[in-house]
Protein backbone atom coordinates (compact mmCIF):
# COMPACT_ATOMS: atom_id res chain seq x y z
CA MET A 1 106.31 99.95 111.33
CA HIS A 2 107.03 97.69 108.32
CA MET A 3 105.15 94.71 106.87
CA GLN A 4 105.48 92.41 103.82
CA LEU A 5 103.41 89.39 102.78
CA LEU A 6 105.55 86.53 101.42
CA HIS A 7 104.48 83.87 98.91
CA ASN A 8 104.14 81.19 101.61
CA ASP A 9 101.37 83.23 103.29
CA LYS A 10 103.62 84.39 106.07
CA ILE A 11 104.16 88.03 106.91
CA VAL A 12 107.43 89.63 107.93
CA MET A 13 106.86 92.44 110.44
CA PHE A 14 109.48 94.60 112.07
CA ASP A 15 109.84 97.81 114.05
CA ARG A 16 113.04 99.62 114.97
CA THR A 17 115.80 98.39 117.30
CA ASP A 18 116.58 101.50 119.35
CA PHE A 19 113.35 101.76 121.37
CA GLY A 20 114.52 99.50 124.16
CA PRO A 21 113.45 95.87 124.75
CA SER A 22 110.31 94.30 123.33
CA ASN A 23 108.23 91.69 125.15
CA ILE A 24 109.46 88.84 122.91
CA THR A 25 112.65 87.05 123.90
CA LEU A 26 115.00 85.85 121.17
CA PRO A 27 115.69 82.09 121.36
CA PHE A 28 119.14 80.55 121.74
CA ASN A 29 120.52 83.68 123.40
CA ARG A 30 120.84 85.47 120.04
CA CYS A 31 121.40 88.88 121.55
CA ARG A 32 122.18 92.10 119.75
CA TYR A 33 125.27 93.97 120.91
CA ASP A 34 125.60 97.65 120.02
CA PRO A 35 127.77 99.89 122.23
CA PHE A 36 126.32 102.96 120.49
CA ASP A 37 122.64 102.14 121.00
CA PRO A 38 121.21 104.99 123.12
CA MET A 39 118.73 102.69 124.88
CA LEU A 40 120.15 99.20 125.27
CA GLN A 41 123.67 98.07 124.40
CA LYS A 42 122.81 94.39 124.91
CA ASP A 43 119.35 93.49 123.63
CA CYS A 44 118.08 89.90 123.76
CA THR A 45 114.57 90.70 122.55
CA ALA A 46 113.01 90.52 119.09
CA HIS A 47 112.15 93.54 116.96
CA SER A 48 110.97 91.45 114.02
CA ILE A 49 108.60 88.50 113.72
CA LEU A 50 107.35 86.07 111.08
CA TYR A 51 103.56 85.85 111.35
CA ASP A 52 101.67 82.81 110.00
CA ILE A 53 98.24 83.87 108.73
CA GLN A 54 96.82 80.34 108.66
CA THR A 55 97.66 79.44 112.25
CA ASN A 56 97.61 82.95 113.76
CA THR A 57 101.00 82.28 115.33
CA PHE A 58 104.39 83.94 115.06
CA ARG A 59 108.04 83.33 115.80
CA PRO A 60 110.74 85.89 116.58
CA LEU A 61 113.37 86.94 114.06
CA SER A 62 116.75 88.48 114.81
CA ILE A 63 117.77 91.91 113.53
CA GLN A 64 121.25 93.16 114.34
CA THR A 65 121.11 96.71 112.93
CA ASP A 66 118.56 99.51 113.23
CA THR A 67 115.70 99.28 110.70
CA TRP A 68 113.98 102.54 111.71
CA CYS A 69 112.20 104.04 108.66
CA SER A 70 113.72 101.64 106.13
CA SER A 71 112.52 100.22 102.82
CA GLY A 72 112.05 96.93 100.99
CA ALA A 73 111.18 94.93 97.88
CA VAL A 74 110.75 91.27 96.96
CA LEU A 75 113.06 89.73 94.35
CA ALA A 76 111.92 87.43 91.55
CA ASP A 77 112.80 84.33 93.61
CA GLY A 78 110.67 85.51 96.55
CA THR A 79 113.53 86.81 98.71
CA LEU A 80 112.65 89.92 100.70
CA VAL A 81 115.38 92.54 100.34
CA GLN A 82 115.29 95.25 102.97
CA THR A 83 117.45 98.35 102.78
CA GLY A 84 118.74 101.06 105.06
CA GLY A 85 117.46 102.42 108.35
CA TYR A 86 119.13 104.51 111.02
CA ASN A 87 122.46 104.69 112.88
CA ASP A 88 124.29 101.38 112.36
CA GLY A 89 121.63 100.26 109.89
CA ASP A 90 121.59 103.12 107.41
CA HIS A 91 124.07 101.47 104.98
CA THR A 92 122.86 97.90 105.58
CA VAL A 93 121.06 95.48 103.26
CA ARG A 94 119.11 92.63 104.87
CA THR A 95 117.59 89.60 103.14
CA MET A 96 114.95 87.11 104.22
CA VAL A 97 114.37 83.91 102.23
CA PRO A 98 110.88 82.46 102.87
CA CYS A 99 110.72 79.07 104.55
CA ASP A 100 108.11 76.78 106.09
CA ASP A 101 110.30 75.50 108.91
CA GLU A 102 112.10 77.37 111.68
CA ALA A 103 115.32 77.87 109.73
CA CYS A 104 114.98 81.20 107.95
CA ASP A 105 116.02 84.47 109.53
CA TRP A 106 117.46 87.82 108.52
CA ILE A 107 120.89 87.86 106.87
CA GLU A 108 122.61 91.25 107.05
CA TYR A 109 125.21 92.84 104.77
CA HIS A 110 126.72 95.75 106.66
CA GLY A 111 128.01 98.68 104.66
CA TYR A 112 126.60 97.36 101.38
CA LEU A 113 124.88 100.62 100.43
CA THR A 114 126.91 103.50 99.02
CA GLU A 115 124.79 106.18 100.68
CA ARG A 116 122.83 106.52 103.89
CA ARG A 117 119.26 105.32 103.20
CA TRP A 118 116.79 106.61 105.77
CA TYR A 119 113.22 107.26 104.49
CA SER A 120 114.12 106.04 100.99
CA THR A 121 111.90 104.12 98.55
CA ASP A 122 112.61 100.77 96.86
CA GLN A 123 111.18 99.70 93.51
CA ILE A 124 111.63 96.34 91.79
CA LEU A 125 112.73 96.70 88.14
CA PRO A 126 111.99 94.62 85.02
CA ASP A 127 115.47 93.06 85.08
CA GLY A 128 115.01 91.93 88.70
CA ARG A 129 117.17 94.57 90.34
CA VAL A 130 115.92 96.96 93.02
CA ILE A 131 116.40 100.70 92.64
CA ILE A 132 116.77 102.54 95.98
CA ILE A 133 115.75 106.17 95.67
CA GLY A 134 116.25 109.17 97.92
CA GLY A 135 116.15 109.33 101.69
CA ARG A 136 116.98 112.09 104.14
CA GLN A 137 119.45 114.49 102.51
CA GLN A 138 120.02 112.04 99.66
CA ASN A 139 119.34 113.52 96.22
CA ASN A 140 120.44 110.32 94.52
CA TYR A 141 119.70 106.64 93.91
CA GLU A 142 121.53 103.32 93.74
CA PHE A 143 120.81 99.67 92.96
CA TYR A 144 120.69 96.26 94.59
CA PRO A 145 122.59 94.29 93.53
CA SER A 146 125.09 97.03 92.89
CA THR A 147 126.56 95.53 89.70
CA LEU A 148 125.24 97.32 86.63
CA PRO A 149 124.07 95.63 83.42
CA ASP A 150 125.86 96.39 80.15
CA TYR A 151 123.05 98.56 78.79
CA PHE A 152 123.12 100.95 81.76
CA ILE A 153 124.77 104.27 80.90
CA PRO A 154 126.13 105.88 84.09
CA PRO A 155 127.37 109.47 83.99
CA LEU A 156 130.50 108.47 85.89
CA ASN A 157 132.03 105.30 87.27
CA VAL A 158 130.15 105.51 90.56
CA SER A 159 127.71 103.39 92.54
CA SER A 160 125.14 106.07 93.35
CA PHE A 161 123.65 108.56 90.91
CA TRP A 162 122.63 112.17 91.37
CA LEU A 163 118.96 113.16 91.04
CA ASP A 164 118.48 116.85 91.83
CA PHE A 165 114.71 116.52 91.49
CA PHE A 166 114.60 115.94 95.26
CA LYS A 167 116.01 119.33 96.21
CA THR A 168 113.71 121.23 98.56
CA ASP A 169 113.80 124.61 100.29
CA GLU A 170 111.93 123.17 103.28
CA VAL A 171 114.95 122.49 105.44
CA ILE A 172 113.02 121.43 108.56
CA SER A 173 109.90 119.70 107.25
CA GLU A 174 111.46 118.50 103.95
CA ASN A 175 108.23 116.86 102.68
CA ASN A 176 110.20 114.85 100.11
CA LEU A 177 110.94 111.72 102.14
CA TYR A 178 109.65 108.29 101.10
CA PRO A 179 109.09 109.52 97.53
CA PHE A 180 106.23 107.86 95.64
CA VAL A 181 107.76 105.64 92.93
CA HIS A 182 105.90 103.55 90.34
CA LEU A 183 107.30 101.49 87.47
CA LEU A 184 105.53 102.49 84.25
CA PRO A 185 104.70 100.11 81.36
CA ASP A 186 107.32 101.78 79.15
CA GLY A 187 110.04 100.94 81.68
CA ASN A 188 110.49 104.45 83.03
CA LEU A 189 109.72 105.48 86.60
CA PHE A 190 107.10 107.88 87.90
CA ILE A 191 108.63 109.73 90.88
CA PHE A 192 106.66 112.13 93.07
CA ALA A 193 108.10 114.26 95.88
CA ASN A 194 106.45 117.16 97.75
CA ILE A 195 104.09 118.48 95.05
CA ARG A 196 106.16 117.72 91.95
CA SER A 197 106.57 114.63 89.80
CA VAL A 198 108.63 113.46 86.87
CA VAL A 199 108.97 110.55 84.48
CA PHE A 200 112.51 109.30 84.94
CA ASP A 201 114.70 107.07 82.74
CA TYR A 202 116.98 105.39 85.27
CA ASN A 203 118.95 103.60 82.53
CA ARG A 204 120.20 106.93 81.19
CA ASN A 205 119.94 108.95 84.38
CA ARG A 206 117.70 111.61 82.87
CA VAL A 207 114.28 113.10 83.40
CA VAL A 208 112.08 112.29 80.41
CA LYS A 209 109.15 114.51 81.36
CA HIS A 210 108.29 117.05 84.02
CA LEU A 211 104.65 116.67 85.05
CA PRO A 212 102.57 119.58 86.34
CA PRO A 213 102.59 120.11 90.13
CA ILE A 214 99.59 118.66 91.92
CA PRO A 215 97.14 121.55 92.48
CA GLY A 216 96.82 123.15 95.90
CA ASP A 217 100.49 123.45 96.93
CA ASP A 218 99.91 120.89 99.71
CA PRO A 219 102.86 118.49 100.15
CA ARG A 220 102.00 114.81 99.91
CA ASN A 221 105.18 113.06 101.09
CA TYR A 222 106.59 112.43 104.57
CA PRO A 223 106.02 114.06 107.01
CA SER A 224 102.87 115.42 105.36
CA SER A 225 102.31 111.74 104.51
CA GLY A 226 99.74 111.25 101.84
CA SER A 227 99.75 107.98 99.93
CA SER A 228 99.93 106.87 96.32
CA ILE A 229 99.13 103.96 94.01
CA LEU A 230 99.44 103.04 90.37
CA LEU A 231 95.87 102.27 89.31
CA PRO A 232 95.32 98.78 87.81
CA LEU A 233 96.84 98.12 84.38
CA ASP A 234 94.30 96.40 82.09
CA GLU A 235 95.83 94.40 79.24
CA ASN A 236 92.41 94.12 77.55
CA THR A 237 92.56 97.81 76.67
CA GLN A 238 95.18 100.24 75.46
CA ILE A 239 97.12 100.75 78.68
CA GLU A 240 97.21 104.32 79.95
CA PRO A 241 99.13 104.27 83.23
CA GLU A 242 97.40 106.44 85.79
CA VAL A 243 98.79 107.38 89.19
CA MET A 244 96.66 108.45 92.15
CA VAL A 245 97.86 110.48 95.14
CA CYS A 246 95.59 110.99 98.16
CA GLY A 247 95.74 113.01 101.38
CA GLY A 248 98.66 114.72 103.05
CA ALA A 249 99.01 117.91 105.10
CA PRO A 250 99.20 121.63 104.27
CA ARG A 251 102.63 123.10 103.67
CA ASP A 252 103.13 124.66 107.12
CA ALA A 253 101.43 121.90 109.09
CA PHE A 254 104.62 120.32 110.43
CA LEU A 255 106.17 123.67 111.41
CA ASN A 256 102.96 124.85 113.11
CA ILE A 257 103.01 121.79 115.31
CA LYS A 258 106.61 122.38 116.31
CA ARG A 259 106.13 126.10 116.95
CA ALA A 260 102.70 126.32 118.55
CA ARG A 261 101.25 122.77 118.85
CA GLU A 262 98.66 123.81 116.28
CA PHE A 263 97.17 120.87 114.37
CA ILE A 264 95.94 121.89 110.92
CA ARG A 265 93.25 119.90 109.09
CA ALA A 266 94.66 117.26 106.75
CA VAL A 267 94.39 117.53 102.98
CA PRO A 268 90.99 116.24 101.78
CA THR A 269 91.84 115.75 98.10
CA CYS A 270 93.07 113.04 95.75
CA GLY A 271 94.70 113.66 92.39
CA ARG A 272 94.79 111.33 89.37
CA ILE A 273 97.11 111.83 86.41
CA LYS A 274 97.52 109.88 83.16
CA VAL A 275 101.26 109.96 83.04
CA THR A 276 101.87 109.21 79.36
CA ASN A 277 99.31 111.63 77.93
CA GLU A 278 100.76 114.24 75.63
CA ASN A 279 99.52 117.00 77.94
CA PRO A 280 98.95 115.29 81.31
CA ALA A 281 96.81 117.08 83.88
CA TRP A 282 95.71 116.25 87.41
CA GLU A 283 92.06 115.35 87.99
CA ILE A 284 91.23 116.41 91.55
CA GLU A 285 88.57 114.74 93.71
CA THR A 286 87.55 115.38 97.30
CA MET A 287 87.53 112.51 99.78
CA PRO A 288 84.63 112.15 102.22
CA ILE A 289 87.17 112.47 105.06
CA ALA A 290 90.38 114.53 105.10
CA ARG A 291 93.30 112.25 105.94
CA THR A 292 97.02 112.19 106.56
CA MET A 293 98.96 108.92 107.10
CA GLY A 294 96.34 106.86 105.28
CA ASP A 295 97.32 103.55 103.65
CA MET A 296 96.10 102.88 100.11
CA VAL A 297 95.64 99.18 99.28
CA ILE A 298 94.50 97.81 95.91
CA LEU A 299 91.73 95.25 96.44
CA PRO A 300 91.29 92.13 94.25
CA ASN A 301 88.30 93.65 92.42
CA GLY A 302 90.35 96.70 91.39
CA GLU A 303 88.91 99.05 93.97
CA VAL A 304 91.16 100.88 96.45
CA ILE A 305 90.75 101.08 100.21
CA ILE A 306 92.13 104.07 102.12
CA ILE A 307 92.50 103.13 105.77
CA ASN A 308 94.23 104.36 108.97
CA GLY A 309 95.49 107.87 109.61
CA ALA A 310 94.45 111.17 111.17
CA GLY A 311 92.24 114.12 110.31
CA SER A 312 94.74 116.77 111.40
CA GLY A 313 98.46 117.13 111.93
CA THR A 314 101.30 115.22 110.26
CA ALA A 315 103.43 112.13 110.70
CA GLY A 316 105.87 112.06 113.60
CA TRP A 317 105.73 111.56 117.33
CA GLY A 318 102.75 113.29 118.88
CA ASN A 319 102.10 115.21 115.66
CA ALA A 320 98.52 114.12 114.87
CA ARG A 321 95.03 114.51 116.27
CA ASP A 322 91.51 113.43 115.23
CA PRO A 323 92.10 109.77 114.34
CA VAL A 324 90.25 108.67 111.21
CA THR A 325 88.82 105.25 112.02
CA ARG A 326 86.44 105.03 109.05
CA PRO A 327 88.02 103.54 105.93
CA VAL A 328 86.80 104.61 102.52
CA ILE A 329 86.71 102.56 99.34
CA TYR A 330 87.48 104.23 96.05
CA HIS A 331 85.86 102.99 92.82
CA PRO A 332 88.29 104.03 90.03
CA ASN A 333 85.80 103.44 87.21
CA GLY A 334 82.84 105.13 88.86
CA PRO A 335 81.40 108.47 87.73
CA PRO A 336 83.37 111.55 88.86
CA ASN A 337 82.46 112.87 92.32
CA ARG A 338 80.70 109.60 93.14
CA ARG A 339 83.66 107.28 93.50
CA PHE A 340 83.97 107.02 97.30
CA SER A 341 82.09 104.80 99.75
CA VAL A 342 82.50 105.25 103.52
CA MET A 343 82.91 102.03 105.51
CA GLN A 344 82.25 101.00 109.09
CA SER A 345 84.59 102.37 111.75
CA ALA A 346 87.56 100.37 112.95
CA SER A 347 87.82 99.46 116.61
CA ARG A 348 90.79 101.69 117.49
CA PRO A 349 92.94 104.54 116.16
CA ARG A 350 95.78 103.71 113.80
CA LEU A 351 98.11 106.68 113.53
CA TYR A 352 101.84 107.09 112.97
CA ASN A 353 103.69 103.81 112.34
CA SER A 354 100.60 101.81 111.45
CA VAL A 355 100.39 99.66 108.32
CA ALA A 356 97.84 97.84 106.15
CA ILE A 357 98.32 95.09 103.54
CA LEU A 358 96.17 92.77 101.43
CA VAL A 359 96.30 89.09 102.36
CA THR A 360 95.44 86.03 100.26
CA ASP A 361 91.78 85.65 101.22
CA GLY A 362 90.96 89.25 100.29
CA ARG A 363 91.00 90.73 103.79
CA VAL A 364 93.07 93.78 104.64
CA LEU A 365 95.34 93.19 107.62
CA VAL A 366 95.93 96.28 109.76
CA ALA A 367 98.65 96.53 112.39
CA GLY A 368 100.45 98.86 114.71
CA SER A 369 100.26 102.57 115.58
CA ASN A 370 102.88 104.17 117.74
CA PRO A 371 102.85 107.98 117.73
CA ASN A 372 105.12 108.02 120.81
CA PRO A 373 108.92 108.28 121.08
CA PHE A 374 109.03 104.92 122.89
CA TYR A 375 106.62 102.11 123.73
CA ASN A 376 104.03 103.97 125.81
CA PHE A 377 100.86 102.22 126.93
CA THR A 378 99.64 104.54 129.68
CA ASN A 379 99.33 108.27 130.38
CA VAL A 380 99.44 109.21 126.69
CA GLU A 381 96.61 110.27 124.42
CA PHE A 382 97.27 107.53 121.86
CA PRO A 383 99.00 104.49 123.42
CA SER A 384 101.36 102.24 121.49
CA GLU A 385 99.21 99.66 119.72
CA LEU A 386 100.33 96.02 119.49
CA SER A 387 97.20 94.46 117.99
CA LEU A 388 96.38 93.12 114.56
CA GLU A 389 92.92 93.38 113.08
CA ALA A 390 91.40 92.51 109.73
CA PHE A 391 89.11 94.67 107.64
CA LEU A 392 86.63 92.72 105.53
CA PRO A 393 85.73 94.60 102.33
CA PRO A 394 82.08 94.42 101.22
CA TYR A 395 82.78 91.63 98.70
CA LEU A 396 83.38 89.22 101.62
CA ALA A 397 79.78 89.59 102.84
CA LYS A 398 77.88 86.27 102.91
CA GLU A 399 75.21 87.64 100.61
CA TYR A 400 77.74 87.46 97.78
CA ASP A 401 78.63 83.78 98.34
CA PRO A 402 76.53 82.59 95.34
CA LEU A 403 78.58 84.88 93.07
CA ARG A 404 81.94 84.04 94.64
CA PRO A 405 84.11 81.96 92.28
CA GLU A 406 86.50 79.27 93.45
CA ILE A 407 89.61 78.51 91.43
CA VAL A 408 89.85 74.74 90.92
CA SER A 409 93.09 74.59 88.93
CA ILE A 410 95.58 76.50 86.80
CA ASP A 411 97.21 74.50 84.02
CA VAL A 412 100.71 75.90 84.53
CA GLU A 413 103.02 76.14 87.53
CA VAL A 414 104.79 79.23 86.20
CA MET A 415 103.09 82.08 84.32
CA GLU A 416 105.25 83.00 81.36
CA TYR A 417 105.14 86.31 79.53
CA ARG A 418 102.56 86.36 76.68
CA LYS A 419 101.96 82.59 77.03
CA PRO A 420 98.38 81.26 77.33
CA LEU A 421 97.05 79.48 80.40
CA ILE A 422 93.67 78.07 81.41
CA LEU A 423 91.93 78.45 84.75
CA MET A 424 89.17 76.13 85.91
CA PHE A 425 86.67 77.55 88.37
CA THR A 426 83.30 76.94 89.92
CA VAL A 427 80.60 79.39 90.91
CA LEU A 428 77.12 78.73 92.22
CA LYS A 429 75.38 81.49 90.25
CA PHE A 430 77.22 82.27 87.02
CA LEU A 431 76.10 85.52 85.44
CA LYS A 432 77.87 86.16 82.14
CA LEU A 433 81.24 86.17 80.44
CA SER A 434 81.67 89.94 80.55
CA ARG A 435 81.64 89.80 84.33
CA VAL A 436 84.74 87.55 84.59
CA THR A 437 88.33 88.84 84.79
CA VAL A 438 91.63 87.41 86.01
CA ARG A 439 94.00 89.72 87.88
CA ILE A 440 97.40 89.49 89.50
CA ILE A 441 98.56 91.66 92.39
CA ALA A 442 102.12 92.25 93.59
CA PRO A 443 101.88 92.55 97.41
CA SER A 444 103.40 95.69 98.81
CA PHE A 445 106.20 96.40 101.23
CA THR A 446 104.31 98.80 103.46
CA THR A 447 105.62 101.45 105.81
CA HIS A 448 104.75 105.09 106.57
CA SER A 449 101.60 105.13 104.38
CA LEU A 450 103.54 103.91 101.35
CA GLY A 451 102.93 100.54 99.65
CA MET A 452 106.16 100.04 97.71
CA ASN A 453 105.94 97.83 94.58
CA GLN A 454 102.18 97.41 94.85
CA ARG A 455 100.60 96.88 91.42
CA MET A 456 97.68 95.11 89.76
CA VAL A 457 97.54 93.77 86.21
CA VAL A 458 94.28 92.61 84.61
CA LEU A 459 95.38 89.75 82.35
CA LYS A 460 94.37 89.68 78.70
CA ASP A 461 91.63 87.09 78.20
CA ASP A 462 90.46 85.22 75.10
CA LYS A 463 86.79 86.13 75.74
CA ASN A 464 85.83 82.50 76.00
CA VAL A 465 84.38 81.12 79.22
CA SER A 466 83.05 77.62 78.73
CA MET A 467 81.31 75.11 80.97
CA VAL A 468 83.31 71.89 81.26
CA GLY A 469 81.42 69.86 83.86
CA GLU A 470 77.89 69.27 85.11
CA SER A 471 77.23 69.00 88.81
CA PHE A 472 75.57 70.95 91.60
CA MET A 473 78.49 73.39 91.24
CA LYS A 474 79.15 73.73 87.50
CA THR A 475 82.80 73.99 86.46
CA TYR A 476 83.93 76.63 83.98
CA SER A 477 87.19 77.40 82.21
CA ILE A 478 88.67 80.69 81.05
CA GLY A 479 91.78 81.28 78.99
CA VAL A 480 94.11 84.19 79.67
CA PHE A 481 97.64 85.23 78.71
CA GLY A 482 100.60 85.96 80.91
CA PRO A 483 101.64 89.63 81.19
CA SER A 484 102.93 91.15 77.96
CA THR A 485 106.22 92.44 79.35
CA ALA A 486 108.36 92.60 82.47
CA GLU A 487 107.78 96.35 82.47
CA ILE A 488 104.06 95.71 82.99
CA ALA A 489 104.67 92.98 85.58
CA PRO A 490 108.25 92.50 86.83
CA PRO A 491 109.22 88.85 87.43
CA GLY A 492 108.27 87.43 90.79
CA TYR A 493 105.41 86.10 92.89
CA TYR A 494 101.91 87.52 92.55
CA LEU A 495 98.52 86.83 94.04
CA LEU A 496 96.10 85.74 91.30
CA TYR A 497 92.38 86.39 91.69
CA LEU A 498 89.48 85.43 89.46
CA VAL A 499 86.78 88.08 89.76
CA HIS A 500 83.14 87.35 88.86
CA ALA A 501 80.58 90.17 88.92
CA GLY A 502 82.91 92.19 91.15
CA ILE A 503 83.36 89.34 93.66
CA PRO A 504 86.88 87.85 93.87
CA SER A 505 87.92 84.28 94.54
CA LEU A 506 90.48 83.44 97.16
CA GLY A 507 93.95 84.34 95.97
CA VAL A 508 96.33 81.78 94.48
CA TRP A 509 100.08 82.38 94.35
CA VAL A 510 101.67 82.32 90.88
CA LYS A 511 105.21 82.97 89.75
CA VAL A 512 105.66 85.24 86.75
CA GLN A 513 108.79 84.83 84.67
């Protein structure tokens, strides 16, 4: 249900705690006791694991409160902060500090949150705090940590702040849960819920700009469950932040399922909008395959994969039909109406409660799918899915090996804002300078078709690639500059890729500060 890549190449995965026991026993008798759990008051099984990509092994982690439909973000020091959930977990904050031994586990702070946070969205901010926005019946936001900086201007002396933008007349289906939130280069937030979006100044608790509704009147948020990304920010050009929203379900889709078990075709369109334009307007494109519950993942070469999901229905238990097993790749800089490529089918359906994330070597790791109220492996149309699989984008094909660069070294341990750094790399068949870029990606906290905090920045380069060594594999150097501001790239750990002729290197972890 939830997944986050950490900077030691380990992945935190977790489900919910009120489904009954899992098949993984917690060590040292670290049981969970909850007299109000409807399934199991004493639970000695794991509902979270730490997965090691390199060794393909995992170890159980201990969660004491319910994480169902919760949220997360990674702090500047690499700590995963995870917020909210259900029942005893809806006011809880949990932290996980990465480690390479067996010592690290979840630490929980019960009652830390001011409001109940179930289906809320977390976004890391330039000052290192996390803003926690929305959730079921929560037209407000709050921060972690909860102490406010001096420059923040609250309307009252309170810990959570009203945001009536989330109000909806759709009492049953809502369609405003897990709002799409992106940090913009000017420090404001783009927030999208249902069909509407705003630019929001969280420091002054005011809406800066109302953007036009996305055309079509088709809701894009949970349970209609489209997906959204901030397209890559290129520091070699004048930055125009552009948000993309894809898929979803028609307005009455959720209600039609509940009333008549009628599964309406998913929304086939994507919309792009340049948020800071004087008169912003949505550019609408049609996907090759209509999709709800798709995951959008930014790839190292700046393209976007849309993977998982269904062709009809909505999110929720038993609410979808027509699994979409064919991913598509979107080429943001391609000509209009020719930006999608359809990929090979995956091996199995990935519906509600499936996730997808980018990992260091450029693969996309796909996990889960459980459209059932409990763990059901037999006598259901779509059984609970426990497997992991990896999707290999076209750039990993062997035919591109001669063009694939390898980073030899980076001359700094920490990437500082606006400071120069030099990368050394090798490549068997070097083409030309204009085909080389250096990019950093903030890995996402992924759940329910939403990659929170996912962003790519193309670093400003000095247009000077030089050869520094003669051998069978020639060595080259390129100079780039750290991100201009914390608004463009908040402090923290990023995956750095050197891309040559559209083919990325393996990722290298860097810390931006």
